[in-house]
Amino acid sequence: MNPEIVESFAQMVREKSLDKDVLAGIIEEIFGLLVKKKFGNDARYDVVVNMDKGDIEIFLERTIVEKVEDPSTEISIDEVNARGNEEELEVGDDYVEKIELSQFGRRLINLARQNLNQKIREIEKDIVYNEYKEMIGEIVVGDIYQVRRNDVLVNHNKNELILPRIEQIPREKYKKGETIRAVVKEVKKNQNGPVIIISRADNMFLRRLFEIEIPEIYDGVIEIKGIAREPGERAKVAVESQDSRIDAVGACVGMKGVRIHAIVRELNNENIDVINYSDDPVVFIQRCLAPAKLRQIEIDEENKKCTVTADTDQISLIVGRNGVNIRLAMKLTGYDIEVLRQEKQLDEYEEDIELPELREELGSDIVDILISNRFETAVEVLKAGVDKLKEIEGIGEEKAKEIIQILENQFEEEE
């Protein structure tokens, strides 16, 4: 009976990894509803589904009576005898008959088909939901099939994954048909089925890339202690080796930087600083702000605050472009870092610069004026300061400030 129906469901079992017993239970439930609609809610029945043979059998059980009062549960002895049963049955016995699908009529059959399709779709949605729920935090590889204004749709094993704009790497371009890697970040349910959110901007994506490219991290020899990241711009990763013979930073960077460069390319050339972790907050903060040279670090562990003192020419290194370096250092260390500027003593400059070498930066006229006023080097000009320079004819206060700024920047570049 109905082998084509069961075969279609058996195929679904194979394709969707649907449990046979679950599917058989659904078929039993649907055809049971069919029996109740045809014979009444009190009807006694049995639906037998054999998924292997591709067979569905429906049996209706009724009590034999002299006069039928409830057709859903009773059948007359005359009707039983008229059917010519081989075994002798009497009033009070149970009569079991096999119900053919054609007895239900087209309307009920269509209703059953609709209910079956709905149930199967719900199960398919649950299967996809549970599958990706277990994959949260794992990298998936899919093909981009639609690029929209606020998100990108990715095909992964015939399932739709969504890469929202907020989870994309800024300035990264996506094209239809391209292969893309991302981490499964979130799986939600809605009326239309599971919504699978993937991310390339999440810290977990960077963590998983480190595990893929660096065997020591995958094996647990090197541990990632923390990640701070501004996607597409810069990231800081703190690592610690569990084996004193292995240099954590060196293993992550790889020979000639081959390992870290593979990760950088995947992240659209995002700069990555790999830092040796330390339990000592002073040491850790100092490493996070490298290569800047710090004069002093004061720690308030209770309030998670830190005050850093550094020379003027080190401030730009500490802060970084658009403040990204210090923001990442604060994220990674958990400390609110305040930077205090300290003017560098002029006698601390290791090298001086002859003024004629600065004609391009200062302009030939200014250099000639300074030389004519007995200044020979940049340090001598810095020592004079704005107050003395503004007294020179042809310079003035604004120009004096500009000269000092140019020379300070010049020494900063030399550092």
Protein backbone atom coordinates (compact mmCIF):
# COMPACT_ATOMS: atom_id res chain seq x y z
CA MET A 1 0.00 0.00 0.00
CA ASN A 2 1.32 3.42 -0.96
CA PRO A 3 4.91 2.31 -1.66
CA GLU A 4 5.63 5.53 -3.58
CA ILE A 5 4.72 7.63 -0.52
CA VAL A 6 6.96 5.68 1.86
CA GLU A 7 9.80 5.60 -0.67
CA SER A 8 9.73 9.38 -0.90
CA PHE A 9 10.06 9.57 2.88
CA ALA A 10 12.78 6.92 2.90
CA GLN A 11 14.74 9.06 0.44
CA MET A 12 14.35 11.97 2.82
CA VAL A 13 15.76 9.83 5.61
CA ARG A 14 18.86 9.21 3.53
CA GLU A 15 19.32 12.82 2.42
CA LYS A 16 18.47 14.62 5.65
CA SER A 17 19.77 12.04 8.14
CA LEU A 18 16.27 11.86 9.56
CA ASP A 19 15.70 9.07 12.07
CA LYS A 20 13.52 6.31 10.58
CA ASP A 21 11.58 5.83 13.78
CA VAL A 22 10.81 9.56 13.96
CA LEU A 23 9.53 9.60 10.38
CA ALA A 24 7.49 6.44 10.95
CA GLY A 25 5.96 8.08 14.01
CA ILE A 26 4.94 11.12 11.97
CA ILE A 27 3.30 8.96 9.29
CA GLU A 28 1.44 7.01 11.96
CA GLU A 29 0.22 10.25 13.53
CA ILE A 30 -0.96 11.75 10.23
CA PHE A 31 -2.81 8.65 9.07
CA GLY A 32 -4.25 8.26 12.55
CA LEU A 33 -5.81 11.72 12.17
CA LEU A 34 -7.20 10.56 8.84
CA VAL A 35 -8.93 7.61 10.51
CA LYS A 36 -10.45 9.83 13.19
CA LYS A 37 -11.81 12.27 10.60
CA LYS A 38 -13.33 9.38 8.63
CA PHE A 39 -14.62 7.15 11.44
CA GLY A 40 -14.79 9.49 14.47
CA ASN A 41 -12.59 10.37 17.43
CA ASP A 42 -13.52 7.21 19.34
CA ALA A 43 -12.36 4.91 16.56
CA ARG A 44 -9.86 2.23 17.51
CA TYR A 45 -7.16 1.80 14.94
CA ASP A 46 -3.59 0.79 14.28
CA VAL A 47 -1.25 2.27 11.66
CA VAL A 48 1.70 0.05 10.75
CA VAL A 49 4.58 1.64 8.83
CA ASN A 50 7.38 -0.47 7.40
CA MET A 51 10.04 1.92 6.15
CA ASP A 52 12.24 -0.87 4.81
CA LYS A 53 9.52 -2.47 2.68
CA GLY A 54 7.88 0.81 1.76
CA ASP A 55 4.50 -0.17 3.12
CA ILE A 56 1.74 1.48 5.18
CA GLU A 57 -1.13 -0.55 6.57
CA ILE A 58 -4.17 0.81 8.43
CA PHE A 59 -6.34 -1.45 10.55
CA LEU A 60 -9.70 -0.47 12.07
CA GLU A 61 -10.95 -2.42 15.07
CA ARG A 62 -14.68 -2.51 15.92
CA THR A 63 -16.89 -4.58 18.23
CA ILE A 64 -19.48 -6.93 16.66
CA VAL A 65 -23.02 -6.10 17.83
CA GLU A 66 -26.60 -7.02 16.91
CA LYS A 67 -27.59 -3.41 16.28
CA VAL A 68 -25.07 -0.64 15.59
CA GLU A 69 -25.42 2.46 17.75
CA ASP A 70 -21.92 3.92 17.25
CA PRO A 71 -20.49 3.22 13.74
CA SER A 72 -17.05 4.40 14.80
CA THR A 73 -16.63 1.57 17.32
CA GLU A 74 -19.29 -1.01 16.30
CA ILE A 75 -20.18 -3.21 13.31
CA SER A 76 -23.25 -5.40 12.93
CA ILE A 77 -23.01 -9.18 12.88
CA ASP A 78 -24.96 -9.20 9.62
CA GLU A 79 -22.36 -7.01 7.90
CA VAL A 80 -19.59 -9.21 9.19
CA ASN A 81 -21.27 -12.35 7.89
CA ALA A 82 -21.99 -10.68 4.58
CA ARG A 83 -18.28 -10.07 4.10
CA GLY A 84 -17.68 -13.81 4.20
CA ASN A 85 -14.98 -14.09 6.86
CA GLU A 86 -13.13 -17.38 7.07
CA GLU A 87 -13.18 -17.48 10.86
CA GLU A 88 -16.46 -17.69 12.74
CA LEU A 89 -17.11 -14.51 14.70
CA GLU A 90 -19.88 -13.81 17.18
CA VAL A 91 -21.51 -10.83 18.82
CA GLY A 92 -19.06 -9.33 21.34
CA ASP A 93 -15.95 -10.29 19.34
CA ASP A 94 -13.59 -7.71 17.89
CA TYR A 95 -13.58 -7.35 14.14
CA VAL A 96 -10.39 -6.04 12.50
CA GLU A 97 -10.49 -4.83 8.93
CA LYS A 98 -7.81 -3.38 6.71
CA ILE A 99 -8.61 0.11 5.42
CA GLU A 100 -7.60 1.02 1.88
CA LEU A 101 -6.42 4.54 1.17
CA SER A 102 -9.14 4.98 -1.46
CA GLN A 103 -11.79 4.75 1.29
CA PHE A 104 -10.75 8.13 2.71
CA GLY A 105 -11.55 10.18 -0.36
CA ARG A 106 -9.52 12.76 -2.22
CA ARG A 107 -10.15 15.61 0.25
CA LEU A 108 -8.83 13.73 3.26
CA ILE A 109 -5.88 12.37 1.29
CA ASN A 110 -4.90 15.91 0.26
CA LEU A 111 -5.25 17.04 3.88
CA ALA A 112 -2.97 14.22 4.99
CA ARG A 113 -0.42 15.15 2.32
CA GLN A 114 -0.42 18.78 3.47
CA ASN A 115 0.02 17.78 7.11
CA LEU A 116 2.84 15.43 6.18
CA ASN A 117 4.67 18.08 4.17
CA GLN A 118 4.29 20.59 7.01
CA LYS A 119 5.60 18.11 9.59
CA ILE A 120 8.54 17.17 7.40
CA ARG A 121 9.44 20.83 6.84
CA GLU A 122 9.36 21.43 10.59
CA ILE A 123 11.63 18.46 11.17
CA GLU A 124 14.00 19.62 8.43
CA LYS A 125 14.19 23.02 10.10
CA ASP A 126 14.92 21.40 13.47
CA ILE A 127 17.63 19.25 11.93
CA VAL A 128 19.36 22.28 10.37
CA TYR A 129 18.94 24.28 13.58
CA ASN A 130 20.47 21.55 15.75
CA GLU A 131 23.25 20.89 13.25
CA TYR A 132 24.45 24.50 13.21
CA LYS A 133 23.78 25.00 16.91
CA GLU A 134 26.49 22.42 17.53
CA MET A 135 28.79 24.24 15.08
CA ILE A 136 28.77 27.59 16.90
CA GLY A 137 32.37 28.76 17.15
CA GLU A 138 33.52 26.62 14.21
CA ILE A 139 34.69 27.80 10.80
CA VAL A 140 32.57 26.98 7.75
CA VAL A 141 33.45 27.39 4.09
CA GLY A 142 30.72 28.38 1.66
CA ASP A 143 29.98 30.08 -1.66
CA ILE A 144 28.59 33.61 -1.89
CA TYR A 145 25.36 33.54 -3.90
CA GLN A 146 23.95 36.99 -3.17
CA VAL A 147 25.48 40.28 -2.06
CA ARG A 148 22.91 42.67 -0.60
CA ARG A 149 23.16 46.13 0.90
CA ASN A 150 23.17 45.04 4.55
CA ASP A 151 24.32 41.44 4.36
CA VAL A 152 25.83 38.67 2.26
CA LEU A 153 24.09 35.32 1.69
CA VAL A 154 26.31 32.26 1.67
CA ASN A 155 25.47 28.73 0.53
CA HIS A 156 26.83 26.00 2.80
CA ASN A 157 25.70 22.42 2.17
CA LYS A 158 22.52 23.78 0.54
CA ASN A 159 21.74 25.85 3.64
CA GLU A 160 21.58 29.63 3.72
CA LEU A 161 24.02 31.42 6.02
CA ILE A 162 23.88 35.18 6.63
CA LEU A 163 26.92 37.44 6.97
CA PRO A 164 25.52 40.76 8.29
CA ARG A 165 27.36 44.00 7.63
CA ILE A 166 28.31 44.31 11.31
CA GLU A 167 30.04 40.90 11.10
CA GLN A 168 31.98 41.78 7.94
CA ILE A 169 35.56 43.03 7.81
CA PRO A 170 35.37 46.76 6.94
CA ARG A 171 36.39 47.63 3.38
CA GLU A 172 36.39 43.97 2.39
CA LYS A 173 34.72 43.36 -0.98
CA TYR A 174 32.51 40.34 -1.61
CA LYS A 175 31.55 38.95 -5.02
CA LYS A 176 28.96 36.43 -6.07
CA GLY A 177 30.48 32.98 -6.66
CA GLU A 178 33.50 33.54 -4.42
CA THR A 179 34.39 31.10 -1.67
CA ILE A 180 34.35 32.56 1.81
CA ARG A 181 35.40 31.42 5.27
CA ALA A 182 33.65 32.55 8.44
CA VAL A 183 32.81 31.36 11.92
CA VAL A 184 29.30 30.32 12.96
CA LYS A 185 28.38 32.96 15.55
CA GLU A 186 24.67 32.57 16.28
CA VAL A 187 21.72 30.33 15.36
CA LYS A 188 18.18 31.60 15.89
CA LYS A 189 14.70 30.28 15.19
CA ASN A 190 11.95 32.16 13.43
CA GLN A 191 8.74 31.29 11.60
CA ASN A 192 10.52 30.63 8.31
CA GLY A 193 13.16 28.37 9.81
CA PRO A 194 16.59 28.71 11.42
CA VAL A 195 18.60 31.91 10.91
CA ILE A 196 22.32 31.11 10.84
CA ILE A 197 24.59 34.10 11.47
CA ILE A 198 28.26 33.85 10.48
CA SER A 199 31.06 36.31 11.20
CA ARG A 200 34.47 37.35 9.95
CA ALA A 201 34.77 40.18 12.46
CA ASP A 202 34.34 38.16 15.65
CA ASN A 203 37.38 37.35 17.81
CA MET A 204 36.50 33.66 17.55
CA PHE A 205 37.20 33.73 13.81
CA LEU A 206 40.74 34.95 14.49
CA ARG A 207 41.17 32.33 17.23
CA ARG A 208 40.11 29.52 14.89
CA LEU A 209 42.47 30.77 12.17
CA PHE A 210 45.34 30.61 14.66
CA GLU A 211 44.37 27.02 15.47
CA ILE A 212 44.33 26.11 11.77
CA GLU A 213 47.64 27.76 10.86
CA ILE A 214 49.58 27.04 14.07
CA PRO A 215 49.68 23.34 15.06
CA GLU A 216 51.11 24.15 18.51
CA ILE A 217 47.92 26.06 19.37
CA TYR A 218 45.66 23.30 18.02
CA ASP A 219 47.61 20.74 20.08
CA GLY A 220 47.43 22.88 23.22
CA VAL A 221 51.18 23.44 23.52
CA ILE A 222 50.59 27.17 23.07
CA GLU A 223 47.55 28.78 24.65
CA ILE A 224 45.78 31.93 23.44
CA LYS A 225 45.24 33.96 26.61
CA GLY A 226 43.34 36.81 25.02
CA ILE A 227 42.36 38.56 21.79
CA ALA A 228 41.60 42.22 21.16
CA ARG A 229 40.61 43.20 17.67
CA GLU A 230 39.39 46.03 15.48
CA PRO A 231 38.50 44.09 12.31
CA GLY A 232 40.33 45.12 9.17
CA GLU A 233 42.61 47.47 11.11
CA ARG A 234 44.63 45.75 13.82
CA ALA A 235 44.55 42.94 16.37
CA LYS A 236 46.56 41.96 19.44
CA VAL A 237 46.82 38.31 20.46
CA ALA A 238 48.34 37.29 23.80
CA VAL A 239 49.88 33.82 23.82
CA GLU A 240 51.64 31.65 26.37
CA SER A 241 53.73 28.52 25.86
CA GLN A 242 53.12 25.49 28.06
CA ASP A 243 56.55 24.16 27.06
CA SER A 244 59.58 26.21 28.11
CA ARG A 245 61.46 24.97 25.05
CA ILE A 246 58.99 26.57 22.65
CA ASP A 247 58.88 30.31 21.97
CA ALA A 248 55.18 31.16 21.76
CA VAL A 249 55.53 34.30 19.66
CA GLY A 250 58.09 32.73 17.33
CA ALA A 251 55.90 29.68 16.73
CA CYS A 252 52.91 31.89 15.91
CA VAL A 253 54.85 34.10 13.52
CA GLY A 254 56.59 31.17 11.83
CA MET A 255 59.69 31.02 9.66
CA LYS A 256 59.97 34.38 7.85
CA GLY A 257 56.47 35.18 9.08
CA VAL A 258 54.82 32.55 6.88
CA ARG A 259 52.24 31.48 9.47
CA ILE A 260 51.08 34.92 10.56
CA HIS A 261 51.07 36.19 6.97
CA ALA A 262 48.58 33.47 6.00
CA ILE A 263 46.22 34.76 8.71
CA VAL A 264 46.81 38.40 7.76
CA ARG A 265 45.89 37.66 4.13
CA GLU A 266 42.68 35.92 5.21
CA LEU A 267 41.75 39.00 7.26
CA ASN A 268 42.19 41.46 4.40
CA ASN A 269 45.68 42.54 5.56
CA GLU A 270 44.67 43.22 9.16
CA ASN A 271 47.84 43.90 11.20
CA ILE A 272 48.35 41.36 13.98
CA ASP A 273 50.58 41.85 17.03
CA VAL A 274 51.46 38.60 18.79
CA ILE A 275 52.42 39.25 22.42
CA ASN A 276 53.87 37.07 25.15
CA TYR A 277 51.36 36.93 27.98
CA SER A 278 52.39 37.75 31.57
CA ASP A 279 50.56 37.50 34.89
CA ASP A 280 52.36 40.67 35.95
CA PRO A 281 50.13 43.55 34.74
CA VAL A 282 53.09 45.95 34.51
CA VAL A 283 55.01 43.62 32.21
CA PHE A 284 51.90 42.74 30.20
CA ILE A 285 50.90 46.37 29.65
CA GLN A 286 54.46 47.23 28.65
CA ARG A 287 54.44 44.44 26.07
CA CYS A 288 51.02 45.48 24.76
CA LEU A 289 52.26 49.05 24.16
CA ALA A 290 55.52 47.99 22.47
CA PRO A 291 57.50 49.16 20.57
CA ALA A 292 56.90 52.41 22.46
CA LYS A 293 59.43 53.09 25.23
CA LEU A 294 57.78 53.87 28.57
CA ARG A 295 59.39 55.82 31.37
CA GLN A 296 57.05 54.68 34.13
CA ILE A 297 53.96 52.51 34.73
CA GLU A 298 51.74 52.93 37.78
CA ILE A 299 49.08 50.27 38.43
CA ASP A 300 45.81 50.49 40.40
CA GLU A 301 44.80 46.82 40.41
CA GLU A 302 41.67 47.34 42.49
CA ASN A 303 40.14 49.84 40.05
CA LYS A 304 41.84 48.35 36.98
CA LYS A 305 43.50 51.63 36.08
CA CYS A 306 46.99 52.30 34.79
CA THR A 307 48.99 55.49 34.32
CA VAL A 308 51.79 55.42 31.75
CA THR A 309 54.45 58.10 31.50
CA ALA A 310 56.41 58.43 28.27
CA ASP A 311 58.47 60.92 26.30
CA THR A 312 56.65 63.16 23.85
CA ASP A 313 58.15 61.39 20.86
CA GLN A 314 56.74 58.05 22.09
CA ILE A 315 53.13 59.18 22.44
CA SER A 316 52.21 58.54 18.82
CA LEU A 317 53.53 54.97 19.11
CA ILE A 318 51.54 54.36 22.29
CA VAL A 319 48.31 55.75 20.91
CA GLY A 320 48.65 54.44 17.37
CA ARG A 321 46.80 55.61 14.29
CA ASN A 322 43.38 56.92 15.30
CA GLY A 323 44.03 55.61 18.82
CA VAL A 324 43.75 51.95 17.79
CA ASN A 325 46.90 50.76 19.59
CA ILE A 326 45.96 52.01 23.03
CA ARG A 327 42.33 50.88 22.63
CA LEU A 328 43.43 47.35 21.85
CA ALA A 329 45.91 47.39 24.74
CA MET A 330 43.10 48.36 27.11
CA LYS A 331 40.83 45.62 25.76
CA LEU A 332 43.53 42.98 26.03
CA THR A 333 44.81 43.90 29.50
CA GLY A 334 41.49 44.94 31.00
CA TYR A 335 43.05 48.16 32.31
CA ASP A 336 41.96 51.73 31.62
CA ILE A 337 45.27 53.26 30.48
CA GLU A 338 46.02 56.96 30.89
CA VAL A 339 49.08 58.39 29.14
CA LEU A 340 51.11 61.24 30.63
CA ARG A 341 53.44 63.15 28.34
CA GLN A 342 56.96 64.01 29.54
CA GLU A 343 59.17 66.28 27.51
CA LYS A 344 62.38 64.60 26.49
CA GLN A 345 65.49 66.34 27.69
CA LEU A 346 67.46 67.71 24.78
CA ASP A 347 70.69 66.13 25.98
CA GLU A 348 69.00 62.71 25.71
CA TYR A 349 68.87 62.82 21.91
CA GLU A 350 71.48 60.37 20.68
CA GLU A 351 72.03 62.11 17.33
CA ASP A 352 71.81 65.72 16.23
CA ILE A 353 70.91 67.03 12.77
CA GLU A 354 72.80 69.74 10.94
CA LEU A 355 70.47 72.55 9.82
CA PRO A 356 71.53 72.44 6.13
CA GLU A 357 70.14 68.90 6.05
CA LEU A 358 66.68 70.26 6.91
CA ARG A 359 66.25 72.69 4.02
CA GLU A 360 63.46 70.57 2.52
CA GLU A 361 61.55 70.36 5.83
CA LEU A 362 62.06 73.95 7.06
CA GLY A 363 62.61 75.76 3.80
CA SER A 364 65.90 77.33 2.63
CA ASP A 365 64.95 80.85 3.79
CA ILE A 366 64.30 79.73 7.38
CA VAL A 367 67.48 77.64 7.48
CA ASP A 368 69.53 80.62 6.26
CA ILE A 369 67.95 82.89 8.90
CA LEU A 370 68.72 80.39 11.68
CA ILE A 371 72.31 79.90 10.51
CA SER A 372 72.84 83.67 10.28
CA ASN A 373 71.72 83.83 13.94
CA ARG A 374 74.45 81.34 14.90
CA PHE A 375 72.29 78.17 15.05
CA GLU A 376 74.06 75.16 13.56
CA THR A 377 72.01 72.10 14.60
CA ALA A 378 68.40 71.09 15.29
CA VAL A 379 69.05 70.49 19.00
CA GLU A 380 70.42 74.03 19.37
CA VAL A 381 67.17 75.38 17.89
CA LEU A 382 65.08 73.19 20.22
CA LYS A 383 67.07 74.40 23.22
CA ALA A 384 66.38 78.00 22.24
CA GLY A 385 62.64 77.31 22.24
CA VAL A 386 59.77 79.41 20.93
CA ASP A 387 60.53 82.41 23.16
CA LYS A 388 63.97 83.04 21.69
CA LEU A 389 63.10 82.10 18.12
CA LYS A 390 60.18 84.53 17.91
CA GLU A 391 62.55 87.41 18.68
CA ILE A 392 64.49 86.74 15.44
CA GLU A 393 63.55 89.07 12.63
CA GLY A 394 61.57 87.28 9.92
CA ILE A 395 60.27 84.45 12.15
CA GLY A 396 57.64 85.57 14.69
CA GLU A 397 55.73 83.46 17.24
CA GLU A 398 53.61 81.33 14.88
CA LYS A 399 56.58 80.48 12.69
CA ALA A 400 58.68 79.69 15.77
CA LYS A 401 56.06 77.18 16.97
CA GLU A 402 55.95 75.61 13.50
CA ILE A 403 59.77 75.25 13.45
CA ILE A 404 59.82 73.56 16.86
CA GLN A 405 57.03 71.16 15.81
CA ILE A 406 58.82 70.22 12.59
CA LEU A 407 62.08 69.51 14.44
CA GLU A 408 60.33 67.45 17.14
CA ASN A 409 58.63 65.38 14.43
CA GLN A 410 61.94 64.93 12.71
CA PHE A 411 63.54 63.48 15.83
CA GLU A 412 60.48 61.30 16.37
CA GLU A 413 60.93 59.82 12.90
CA GLU A 414 64.60 59.24 13.60
CA GLU A 415 63.63 57.21 16.68
